N, C-alpha and C. Protein backbone atom coordinates (compact mmCIF):
# COMPACT_ATOMS: atom_id res chain seq x y z
N MET A 1 136.08 46.24 93.17
CA MET A 1 134.79 45.64 92.90
C MET A 1 134.83 44.20 93.37
N VAL A 2 133.76 43.76 94.02
CA VAL A 2 133.62 42.36 94.42
C VAL A 2 132.59 41.75 93.49
N VAL A 3 132.99 40.69 92.80
CA VAL A 3 132.11 40.02 91.85
C VAL A 3 131.22 39.04 92.60
N PRO A 4 129.90 39.09 92.36
CA PRO A 4 129.02 38.11 93.03
C PRO A 4 129.34 36.69 92.60
N ILE A 5 129.35 35.79 93.54
CA ILE A 5 129.63 34.39 93.26
C ILE A 5 128.40 33.57 93.59
N VAL A 6 128.03 32.67 92.71
CA VAL A 6 126.89 31.79 92.94
C VAL A 6 127.43 30.39 93.24
N LEU A 7 127.02 29.81 94.37
CA LEU A 7 127.48 28.49 94.77
C LEU A 7 126.37 27.45 94.61
N GLY A 8 126.76 26.26 94.26
CA GLY A 8 125.83 25.14 94.21
C GLY A 8 124.60 25.41 93.38
N ARG A 9 123.45 25.47 94.02
CA ARG A 9 122.18 25.66 93.33
C ARG A 9 121.75 27.11 93.27
N GLY A 10 122.68 28.02 93.40
CA GLY A 10 122.34 29.42 93.24
C GLY A 10 122.43 30.25 94.50
N GLU A 11 123.12 29.79 95.53
CA GLU A 11 123.32 30.58 96.75
C GLU A 11 124.29 31.71 96.45
N ARG A 12 123.82 32.94 96.57
CA ARG A 12 124.68 34.09 96.29
C ARG A 12 125.53 34.39 97.51
N LEU A 13 126.83 34.23 97.36
CA LEU A 13 127.78 34.32 98.47
C LEU A 13 127.86 35.72 99.08
N TRP A 14 127.78 36.76 98.28
CA TRP A 14 128.04 38.12 98.77
C TRP A 14 126.78 38.94 99.03
N ASP A 15 125.58 38.36 98.98
CA ASP A 15 124.36 39.11 99.27
C ASP A 15 124.19 39.29 100.78
N GLY A 16 123.64 40.42 101.19
CA GLY A 16 123.33 40.66 102.59
C GLY A 16 124.53 40.97 103.47
N LEU A 17 125.59 41.54 102.90
CA LEU A 17 126.79 41.83 103.69
C LEU A 17 126.90 43.30 104.09
N GLU A 18 125.79 44.03 104.04
CA GLU A 18 125.82 45.44 104.45
C GLU A 18 126.25 45.52 105.91
N GLY A 19 127.21 46.38 106.21
CA GLY A 19 127.68 46.57 107.58
C GLY A 19 128.65 45.50 108.07
N ILE A 20 129.16 44.67 107.17
CA ILE A 20 130.07 43.59 107.58
C ILE A 20 131.34 44.13 108.23
N GLU A 21 131.77 45.34 107.83
CA GLU A 21 133.00 45.90 108.39
C GLU A 21 132.86 46.22 109.87
N GLU A 22 131.62 46.27 110.39
CA GLU A 22 131.41 46.48 111.82
C GLU A 22 131.64 45.19 112.60
N ARG A 23 131.44 44.03 111.96
CA ARG A 23 131.58 42.74 112.63
C ARG A 23 132.89 42.03 112.32
N PHE A 24 133.56 42.44 111.23
CA PHE A 24 134.78 41.76 110.80
C PHE A 24 135.85 42.78 110.43
N THR A 25 137.12 42.42 110.64
CA THR A 25 138.21 43.18 110.03
C THR A 25 138.43 42.54 108.67
N ILE A 26 138.66 43.38 107.67
CA ILE A 26 138.79 42.89 106.30
C ILE A 26 140.12 43.33 105.74
N GLU A 27 140.89 42.37 105.26
CA GLU A 27 142.19 42.65 104.64
C GLU A 27 142.13 42.17 103.20
N ALA A 28 142.40 43.08 102.27
CA ALA A 28 142.38 42.74 100.85
C ALA A 28 143.80 42.83 100.30
N THR A 29 144.24 41.78 99.62
CA THR A 29 145.58 41.73 99.04
C THR A 29 145.46 41.50 97.54
N PRO A 30 145.82 42.50 96.73
CA PRO A 30 145.75 42.32 95.28
C PRO A 30 146.84 41.38 94.77
N SER A 31 146.49 40.59 93.79
CA SER A 31 147.43 39.68 93.14
C SER A 31 147.20 39.76 91.64
N PRO A 32 148.25 39.68 90.85
CA PRO A 32 148.06 39.72 89.40
C PRO A 32 147.39 38.43 88.94
N PRO A 33 146.68 38.38 87.91
CA PRO A 33 146.19 39.48 87.08
C PRO A 33 144.78 39.90 87.47
N GLY A 34 144.65 40.83 88.37
CA GLY A 34 143.36 41.39 88.73
C GLY A 34 142.58 40.62 89.78
N VAL A 35 143.21 39.69 90.47
CA VAL A 35 142.55 38.92 91.52
C VAL A 35 142.82 39.60 92.85
N VAL A 36 141.82 39.65 93.73
CA VAL A 36 142.01 40.19 95.07
C VAL A 36 141.63 39.12 96.08
N HIS A 37 142.55 38.78 96.96
CA HIS A 37 142.28 37.82 98.02
C HIS A 37 141.79 38.60 99.24
N MET A 38 140.63 38.23 99.76
CA MET A 38 140.06 38.92 100.92
C MET A 38 140.05 37.99 102.11
N VAL A 39 140.59 38.48 103.25
CA VAL A 39 140.60 37.73 104.49
C VAL A 39 139.72 38.48 105.47
N MET A 40 138.72 37.80 106.04
CA MET A 40 137.80 38.42 107.00
C MET A 40 137.95 37.71 108.33
N ASN A 41 138.24 38.48 109.38
CA ASN A 41 138.37 37.95 110.73
C ASN A 41 137.29 38.58 111.61
N ARG A 42 136.57 37.74 112.38
CA ARG A 42 135.51 38.22 113.25
C ARG A 42 136.09 39.08 114.37
N ARG A 43 135.49 40.24 114.57
CA ARG A 43 135.91 41.13 115.67
C ARG A 43 135.40 40.55 116.98
N LEU A 44 136.15 40.79 118.02
CA LEU A 44 135.74 40.31 119.36
C LEU A 44 134.89 41.33 120.06
C-alpha cells in the first residue's frame, strides 16, 4: 500500500500516477518497521 502524502499547502504527491509503470521503472525495497523505499527511474 502507498500512503498518500500531502505536501506544503495540500499538494497530493501520489495523485494522477495511473500508468506510471509505463514511463518509469520502479524498485521497492522494504525496511523495518513497515517502511518501503521506492526508487523511480525514467525509462528511455
